Amino acid sequence: MSRFLFFALVVLIISCKEAVQTATSLAKVSEKPVLVADEGRYFTLDKDAVSIYLPETFKKYSISEYEYEVKKLNDSINDPFVSLFINLRDNVKGNFYLLYDKENYSFCAVNTLQYFDFGRQDAKYMLAMIRKSQQDSSGPDIFFEKITAKYSATDDVKIFKSVFKISNFDETRFNYRHIYIMSTKKNQTFQFIFNTPFEIDFDPFIRRMKI
């Protein structure tokens, strides 16, 4: 794996401060929902001939459709995630897909990336690059905490996962950023970015991806 290539691929240019405020203002979740892997459904990534499995509350959206839904919730908010999606769509050399759960104000942004192989020995470096991109976009009053980072592999796919909690210092506002980098035996690489107002384990859904 080219380390310079990986650094160029992880494009997460977004103000974490604005994202935390927006997620808190729009999310109307009284308690963390229970996600059951058997209650999800498949979504086809049309341009890549693969299917991903997500909670059934997610639906495919264009960026303009997402922005319209957010404006319906609160038309005074200029949602910073729109900039993130446009950045991923326009600056990463691969296909972009957006899936949005408007019930829980959560999204899954998927990019196909130029293929690169990686192993367990690369995980520490990958985490450092992701952490740097997140911290560089944070404001001075934002607390940035790594929840987990791990590498796993099967005969079919290699996965690097990292989860971060982003909050203000008194923790009255926060959200969670889940980032998965996956490379398959078919020489495909995917980047998944989940953002939720609560901590959720997406691993059972990721493992059901049809590649």
C-alpha atoms as a PDB file:
ATOM      1  CA  MET A   1       0.000   0.000   0.000  1.00  0.00           C
ATOM      2  CA  SER A   2       1.258   3.500  -0.816  1.00  0.00           C
ATOM      3  CA  ARG A   3       1.010   5.603   2.328  1.00  0.00           C
ATOM      4  CA  PHE A   4       0.824   8.767   0.270  1.00  0.00           C
ATOM      5  CA  LEU A   5      -2.022   7.232  -1.726  1.00  0.00           C
ATOM      6  CA  PHE A   6      -3.925   6.365   1.431  1.00  0.00           C
ATOM      7  CA  PHE A   7      -3.510   9.873   2.822  1.00  0.00           C
ATOM      8  CA  ALA A   8      -4.936  11.296  -0.414  1.00  0.00           C
ATOM      9  CA  LEU A   9      -7.900   8.930  -0.341  1.00  0.00           C
ATOM     10  CA  VAL A  10      -9.233   9.785   3.098  1.00  0.00           C
ATOM     11  CA  VAL A  11     -11.089  13.018   2.362  1.00  0.00           C
ATOM     12  CA  LEU A  12     -12.972  14.136   5.472  1.00  0.00           C
ATOM     13  CA  ILE A  13     -12.982  17.917   5.217  1.00  0.00           C
ATOM     14  CA  ILE A  14     -15.737  19.026   7.573  1.00  0.00           C
ATOM     15  CA  SER A  15     -16.040  21.232  10.623  1.00  0.00           C
ATOM     16  CA  CYS A  16     -16.588  18.811  13.499  1.00  0.00           C
ATOM     17  CA  LYS A  17     -17.905  21.655  15.656  1.00  0.00           C
ATOM     18  CA  GLU A  18     -20.647  22.493  13.161  1.00  0.00           C
ATOM     19  CA  ALA A  19     -21.380  18.798  12.628  1.00  0.00           C
ATOM     20  CA  VAL A  20     -21.884  18.195  16.339  1.00  0.00           C
ATOM     21  CA  GLN A  21     -24.203  21.176  16.642  1.00  0.00           C
ATOM     22  CA  THR A  22     -26.184  20.201  13.564  1.00  0.00           C
ATOM     23  CA  ALA A  23     -26.604  16.565  14.568  1.00  0.00           C
ATOM     24  CA  THR A  24     -27.806  17.584  18.001  1.00  0.00           C
ATOM     25  CA  SER A  25     -30.236  20.143  16.607  1.00  0.00           C
ATOM     26  CA  LEU A  26     -31.773  17.791  14.051  1.00  0.00           C
ATOM     27  CA  ALA A  27     -31.713  14.405  15.774  1.00  0.00           C
ATOM     28  CA  LYS A  28     -34.873  13.741  17.707  1.00  0.00           C
ATOM     29  CA  VAL A  29     -33.918  10.367  19.123  1.00  0.00           C
ATOM     30  CA  SER A  30     -35.125   9.942  22.700  1.00  0.00           C
ATOM     31  CA  GLU A  31     -32.972   6.856  23.218  1.00  0.00           C
ATOM     32  CA  LYS A  32     -30.505   4.783  21.247  1.00  0.00           C
ATOM     33  CA  PRO A  33     -32.419   2.538  18.844  1.00  0.00           C
ATOM     34  CA  VAL A  34     -31.804  -1.192  18.862  1.00  0.00           C
ATOM     35  CA  LEU A  35     -30.473  -2.297  15.493  1.00  0.00           C
ATOM     36  CA  VAL A  36     -31.048  -5.957  14.715  1.00  0.00           C
ATOM     37  CA  ALA A  37     -28.987  -7.286  11.819  1.00  0.00           C
ATOM     38  CA  ASP A  38     -31.810  -9.597  10.708  1.00  0.00           C
ATOM     39  CA  GLU A  39     -34.057  -6.562  10.234  1.00  0.00           C
ATOM     40  CA  GLY A  40     -31.885  -4.823   7.674  1.00  0.00           C
ATOM     41  CA  ARG A  41     -32.078  -4.878   3.881  1.00  0.00           C
ATOM     42  CA  TYR A  42     -29.772  -4.812   0.878  1.00  0.00           C
ATOM     43  CA  PHE A  43     -28.946  -1.766  -1.223  1.00  0.00           C
ATOM     44  CA  THR A  44     -27.263  -2.209  -4.591  1.00  0.00           C
ATOM     45  CA  LEU A  45     -24.292  -0.029  -5.440  1.00  0.00           C
ATOM     46  CA  ASP A  46     -25.265   0.088  -9.072  1.00  0.00           C
ATOM     47  CA  LYS A  47     -21.985   1.188 -10.614  1.00  0.00           C
ATOM     48  CA  ASP A  48     -19.946  -1.405  -8.712  1.00  0.00           C
ATOM     49  CA  ALA A  49     -22.125  -4.538  -8.873  1.00  0.00           C
ATOM     50  CA  VAL A  50     -22.076  -5.088  -5.109  1.00  0.00           C
ATOM     51  CA  SER A  51     -24.763  -4.901  -2.443  1.00  0.00           C
ATOM     52  CA  ILE A  52     -24.452  -3.494   1.064  1.00  0.00           C
ATOM     53  CA  TYR A  53     -26.648  -4.426   4.000  1.00  0.00           C
ATOM     54  CA  LEU A  54     -27.923  -1.664   6.294  1.00  0.00           C
ATOM     55  CA  PRO A  55     -30.706  -1.066   8.822  1.00  0.00           C
ATOM     56  CA  GLU A  56     -34.023  -0.845   7.002  1.00  0.00           C
ATOM     57  CA  THR A  57     -34.471   2.780   8.119  1.00  0.00           C
ATOM     58  CA  PHE A  58     -31.798   3.836   5.596  1.00  0.00           C
ATOM     59  CA  LYS A  59     -32.723   4.907   2.070  1.00  0.00           C
ATOM     60  CA  LYS A  60     -30.706   5.995  -0.942  1.00  0.00           C
ATOM     61  CA  TYR A  61     -30.499   9.754  -1.472  1.00  0.00           C
ATOM     62  CA  SER A  62     -28.851  12.171  -3.821  1.00  0.00           C
ATOM     63  CA  ILE A  63     -27.035  15.065  -2.150  1.00  0.00           C
ATOM     64  CA  SER A  64     -29.784  17.485  -3.201  1.00  0.00           C
ATOM     65  CA  GLU A  65     -32.482  15.151  -1.824  1.00  0.00           C
ATOM     66  CA  TYR A  66     -30.601  14.917   1.483  1.00  0.00           C
ATOM     67  CA  GLU A  67     -30.268  18.706   1.697  1.00  0.00           C
ATOM     68  CA  TYR A  68     -33.998  19.085   1.002  1.00  0.00           C
ATOM     69  CA  GLU A  69     -34.892  16.661   3.819  1.00  0.00           C
ATOM     70  CA  VAL A  70     -32.689  18.527   6.292  1.00  0.00           C
ATOM     71  CA  LYS A  71     -34.206  21.860   5.305  1.00  0.00           C
ATOM     72  CA  LYS A  72     -37.647  20.423   5.996  1.00  0.00           C
ATOM     73  CA  LEU A  73     -36.517  19.569   9.534  1.00  0.00           C
ATOM     74  CA  ASN A  74     -34.982  22.980  10.181  1.00  0.00           C
ATOM     75  CA  ASP A  75     -34.605  25.468   7.354  1.00  0.00           C
ATOM     76  CA  SER A  76     -32.375  27.728   9.442  1.00  0.00           C
ATOM     77  CA  ILE A  77     -29.550  25.184   9.542  1.00  0.00           C
ATOM     78  CA  ASN A  78     -26.800  25.165   6.948  1.00  0.00           C
ATOM     79  CA  ASP A  79     -25.891  21.488   7.167  1.00  0.00           C
ATOM     80  CA  PRO A  80     -22.071  21.008   7.047  1.00  0.00           C
ATOM     81  CA  PHE A  81     -22.417  17.396   5.918  1.00  0.00           C
ATOM     82  CA  VAL A  82     -23.458  18.622   2.468  1.00  0.00           C
ATOM     83  CA  SER A  83     -19.921  19.942   2.013  1.00  0.00           C
ATOM     84  CA  LEU A  84     -18.513  16.585   3.081  1.00  0.00           C
ATOM     85  CA  PHE A  85     -20.645  14.729   0.529  1.00  0.00           C
ATOM     86  CA  ILE A  86     -19.724  17.107  -2.282  1.00  0.00           C
ATOM     87  CA  ASN A  87     -16.058  16.758  -1.324  1.00  0.00           C
ATOM     88  CA  LEU A  88     -16.253  12.977  -1.443  1.00  0.00           C
ATOM     89  CA  ARG A  89     -18.214  12.947  -4.693  1.00  0.00           C
ATOM     90  CA  ASP A  90     -15.997  15.448  -6.514  1.00  0.00           C
ATOM     91  CA  ASN A  91     -12.517  14.843  -5.099  1.00  0.00           C
ATOM     92  CA  VAL A  92     -12.254  11.095  -4.573  1.00  0.00           C
ATOM     93  CA  LYS A  93     -11.611   9.194  -7.800  1.00  0.00           C
ATOM     94  CA  GLY A  94     -14.389   6.644  -7.514  1.00  0.00           C
ATOM     95  CA  ASN A  95     -18.135   6.236  -7.286  1.00  0.00           C
ATOM     96  CA  PHE A  96     -20.067   7.936  -4.487  1.00  0.00           C
ATOM     97  CA  TYR A  97     -23.249   6.730  -2.791  1.00  0.00           C
ATOM     98  CA  LEU A  98     -25.294   8.309  -0.003  1.00  0.00           C
ATOM     99  CA  LEU A  99     -27.750   6.495   2.264  1.00  0.00           C
ATOM    100  CA  TYR A 100     -29.658   8.455   4.887  1.00  0.00           C
ATOM    101  CA  ASP A 101     -31.777   7.505   7.899  1.00  0.00           C
ATOM    102  CA  LYS A 102     -33.952  10.555   8.511  1.00  0.00           C
ATOM    103  CA  GLU A 103     -35.626   8.977  11.564  1.00  0.00           C
ATOM    104  CA  ASN A 104     -32.321   9.016  13.441  1.00  0.00           C
ATOM    105  CA  TYR A 105     -30.420  11.695  11.480  1.00  0.00           C
ATOM    106  CA  SER A 106     -27.731   9.198  10.500  1.00  0.00           C
ATOM    107  CA  PHE A 107     -25.981   8.681   7.201  1.00  0.00           C
ATOM    108  CA  CYS A 108     -23.756   6.218   5.412  1.00  0.00           C
ATOM    109  CA  ALA A 109     -21.519   7.717   2.718  1.00  0.00           C
ATOM    110  CA  VAL A 110     -19.759   5.169   0.499  1.00  0.00           C
ATOM    111  CA  ASN A 111     -16.882   5.769  -1.880  1.00  0.00           C
ATOM    112  CA  THR A 112     -15.110   3.343  -4.151  1.00  0.00           C
ATOM    113  CA  LEU A 113     -11.395   4.056  -4.072  1.00  0.00           C
ATOM    114  CA  GLN A 114      -8.429   3.154  -6.194  1.00  0.00           C
ATOM    115  CA  TYR A 115      -7.591  -0.377  -5.090  1.00  0.00           C
ATOM    116  CA  PHE A 116      -4.875  -0.829  -2.518  1.00  0.00           C
ATOM    117  CA  ASP A 117      -3.947  -3.818  -0.414  1.00  0.00           C
ATOM    118  CA  PHE A 118      -3.165  -3.502   3.279  1.00  0.00           C
ATOM    119  CA  GLY A 119      -2.384  -5.741   6.215  1.00  0.00           C
ATOM    120  CA  ARG A 120      -2.374  -5.709   9.985  1.00  0.00           C
ATOM    121  CA  GLN A 121       1.005  -3.972   9.973  1.00  0.00           C
ATOM    122  CA  ASP A 122      -0.595  -0.983   8.196  1.00  0.00           C
ATOM    123  CA  ALA A 123      -3.422  -0.499  10.704  1.00  0.00           C
ATOM    124  CA  LYS A 124      -1.492   1.821  13.023  1.00  0.00           C
ATOM    125  CA  TYR A 125      -0.547   4.095  10.146  1.00  0.00           C
ATOM    126  CA  MET A 126      -4.093   4.098   8.770  1.00  0.00           C
ATOM    127  CA  LEU A 127      -5.457   5.085  12.178  1.00  0.00           C
ATOM    128  CA  ALA A 128      -2.933   7.927  12.435  1.00  0.00           C
ATOM    129  CA  MET A 129      -3.964   9.296   9.028  1.00  0.00           C
ATOM    130  CA  ILE A 130      -7.679   9.119   9.831  1.00  0.00           C
ATOM    131  CA  ARG A 131      -7.172  10.667  13.271  1.00  0.00           C
ATOM    132  CA  LYS A 132      -5.152  13.522  11.780  1.00  0.00           C
ATOM    133  CA  SER A 133      -7.803  14.311   9.165  1.00  0.00           C
ATOM    134  CA  GLN A 134     -10.461  14.379  11.883  1.00  0.00           C
ATOM    135  CA  GLN A 135      -8.478  16.471  14.345  1.00  0.00           C
ATOM    136  CA  ASP A 136      -7.418  18.957  11.665  1.00  0.00           C
ATOM    137  CA  SER A 137     -11.090  19.685  11.012  1.00  0.00           C
ATOM    138  CA  SER A 138     -12.056  20.066  14.675  1.00  0.00           C
ATOM    139  CA  GLY A 139     -12.544  23.349  16.464  1.00  0.00           C
ATOM    140  CA  PRO A 140     -10.561  24.226  19.621  1.00  0.00           C
ATOM    141  CA  ASP A 141     -13.544  23.503  21.877  1.00  0.00           C
ATOM    142  CA  ILE A 142     -14.214  20.029  20.463  1.00  0.00           C
ATOM    143  CA  PHE A 143     -13.218  16.870  22.328  1.00  0.00           C
ATOM    144  CA  PHE A 144     -12.134  14.088  20.003  1.00  0.00           C
ATOM    145  CA  GLU A 145     -11.989  10.541  21.418  1.00  0.00           C
ATOM    146  CA  LYS A 146     -11.063   7.270  19.746  1.00  0.00           C
ATOM    147  CA  ILE A 147     -13.569   4.574  20.716  1.00  0.00           C
ATOM    148  CA  THR A 148     -12.053   1.680  18.807  1.00  0.00           C
ATOM    149  CA  ALA A 149      -9.775   0.761  15.941  1.00  0.00           C
ATOM    150  CA  LYS A 150      -9.229  -2.730  14.615  1.00  0.00           C
ATOM    151  CA  TYR A 151      -8.123  -4.772  11.641  1.00  0.00           C
ATOM    152  CA  SER A 152      -9.792  -7.984  10.492  1.00  0.00           C
ATOM    153  CA  ALA A 153      -9.447 -10.203   7.455  1.00  0.00           C
ATOM    154  CA  THR A 154     -11.033 -13.200   5.751  1.00  0.00           C
ATOM    155  CA  ASP A 155     -10.267 -14.920   2.467  1.00  0.00           C
ATOM    156  CA  ASP A 156     -12.620 -12.458   0.745  1.00  0.00           C
ATOM    157  CA  VAL A 157     -12.048  -9.077   2.378  1.00  0.00           C
ATOM    158  CA  LYS A 158      -9.728  -7.042   4.595  1.00  0.00           C
ATOM    159  CA  ILE A 159     -11.314  -4.421   6.853  1.00  0.00           C
ATOM    160  CA  PHE A 160      -9.909  -1.569   8.902  1.00  0.00           C
ATOM    161  CA  LYS A 161     -12.466   0.011  11.236  1.00  0.00           C
ATOM    162  CA  SER A 162     -12.173   3.115  13.411  1.00  0.00           C
ATOM    163  CA  VAL A 163     -14.826   4.791  15.555  1.00  0.00           C
ATOM    164  CA  PHE A 164     -14.561   8.249  17.122  1.00  0.00           C
ATOM    165  CA  LYS A 165     -16.736  10.193  19.521  1.00  0.00           C
ATOM    166  CA  ILE A 166     -16.876  13.921  18.767  1.00  0.00           C
ATOM    167  CA  SER A 167     -18.289  16.195  21.466  1.00  0.00           C
ATOM    168  CA  ASN A 168     -18.048  19.545  23.174  1.00  0.00           C
ATOM    169  CA  PHE A 169     -16.269  19.435  26.492  1.00  0.00           C
ATOM    170  CA  ASP A 170     -19.359  19.327  28.706  1.00  0.00           C
ATOM    171  CA  GLU A 171     -20.769  16.564  26.442  1.00  0.00           C
ATOM    172  CA  THR A 172     -24.113  18.261  25.896  1.00  0.00           C
ATOM    173  CA  ARG A 173     -23.574  17.780  22.163  1.00  0.00           C
ATOM    174  CA  PHE A 174     -21.910  14.812  20.509  1.00  0.00           C
ATOM    175  CA  ASN A 175     -21.974  12.373  17.632  1.00  0.00           C
ATOM    176  CA  TYR A 176     -20.107   9.301  16.464  1.00  0.00           C
ATOM    177  CA  ARG A 177     -18.053   8.823  13.315  1.00  0.00           C
ATOM    178  CA  HIS A 178     -17.577   5.227  12.110  1.00  0.00           C
ATOM    179  CA  ILE A 179     -15.066   4.744   9.284  1.00  0.00           C
ATOM    180  CA  TYR A 180     -14.469   1.459   7.479  1.00  0.00           C
ATOM    181  CA  ILE A 181     -11.818   0.860   4.803  1.00  0.00           C
ATOM    182  CA  MET A 182     -12.380  -2.432   2.945  1.00  0.00           C
ATOM    183  CA  SER A 183     -10.356  -4.148   0.224  1.00  0.00           C
ATOM    184  CA  THR A 184     -11.672  -7.274  -1.487  1.00  0.00           C
ATOM    185  CA  LYS A 185     -10.106 -10.190  -3.347  1.00  0.00           C
ATOM    186  CA  LYS A 186     -11.674  -8.731  -6.509  1.00  0.00           C
ATOM    187  CA  ASN A 187      -9.301  -5.761  -6.251  1.00  0.00           C
ATOM    188  CA  GLN A 188     -11.955  -3.347  -5.015  1.00  0.00           C
ATOM    189  CA  THR A 189     -11.497  -0.848  -2.185  1.00  0.00           C
ATOM    190  CA  PHE A 190     -14.374   0.900  -0.407  1.00  0.00           C
ATOM    191  CA  GLN A 191     -14.567   3.643   2.187  1.00  0.00           C
ATOM    192  CA  PHE A 192     -17.670   3.727   4.416  1.00  0.00           C
ATOM    193  CA  ILE A 193     -18.358   6.750   6.621  1.00  0.00           C
ATOM    194  CA  PHE A 194     -21.220   6.441   9.095  1.00  0.00           C
ATOM    195  CA  ASN A 195     -22.311   9.372  11.235  1.00  0.00           C
ATOM    196  CA  THR A 196     -24.811   8.848  14.052  1.00  0.00           C
ATOM    197  CA  PRO A 197     -25.958  10.707  17.182  1.00  0.00           C
ATOM    198  CA  PHE A 198     -25.393   7.507  19.177  1.00  0.00           C
ATOM    199  CA  GLU A 199     -22.866   4.677  19.256  1.00  0.00           C
ATOM    200  CA  ILE A 200     -23.921   1.677  17.175  1.00  0.00           C
ATOM    201  CA  ASP A 201     -22.084  -1.482  16.123  1.00  0.00           C
ATOM    202  CA  PHE A 202     -22.343  -1.677  12.328  1.00  0.00           C
ATOM    203  CA  ASP A 203     -20.072  -4.741  12.069  1.00  0.00           C
ATOM    204  CA  PRO A 204     -22.949  -7.273  11.668  1.00  0.00           C
ATOM    205  CA  PHE A 205     -24.220  -5.230   8.729  1.00  0.00           C
ATOM    206  CA  ILE A 206     -20.806  -4.762   7.121  1.00  0.00           C
ATOM    207  CA  ARG A 207     -20.145  -8.521   7.289  1.00  0.00           C
ATOM    208  CA  ARG A 208     -23.250  -9.159   5.151  1.00  0.00           C
ATOM    209  CA  MET A 209     -21.992  -7.093   2.246  1.00  0.00           C
ATOM    210  CA  LYS A 210     -22.264  -9.039  -1.040  1.00  0.00           C
ATOM    211  CA  ILE A 211     -19.053  -8.598  -2.986  1.00  0.00           C
END
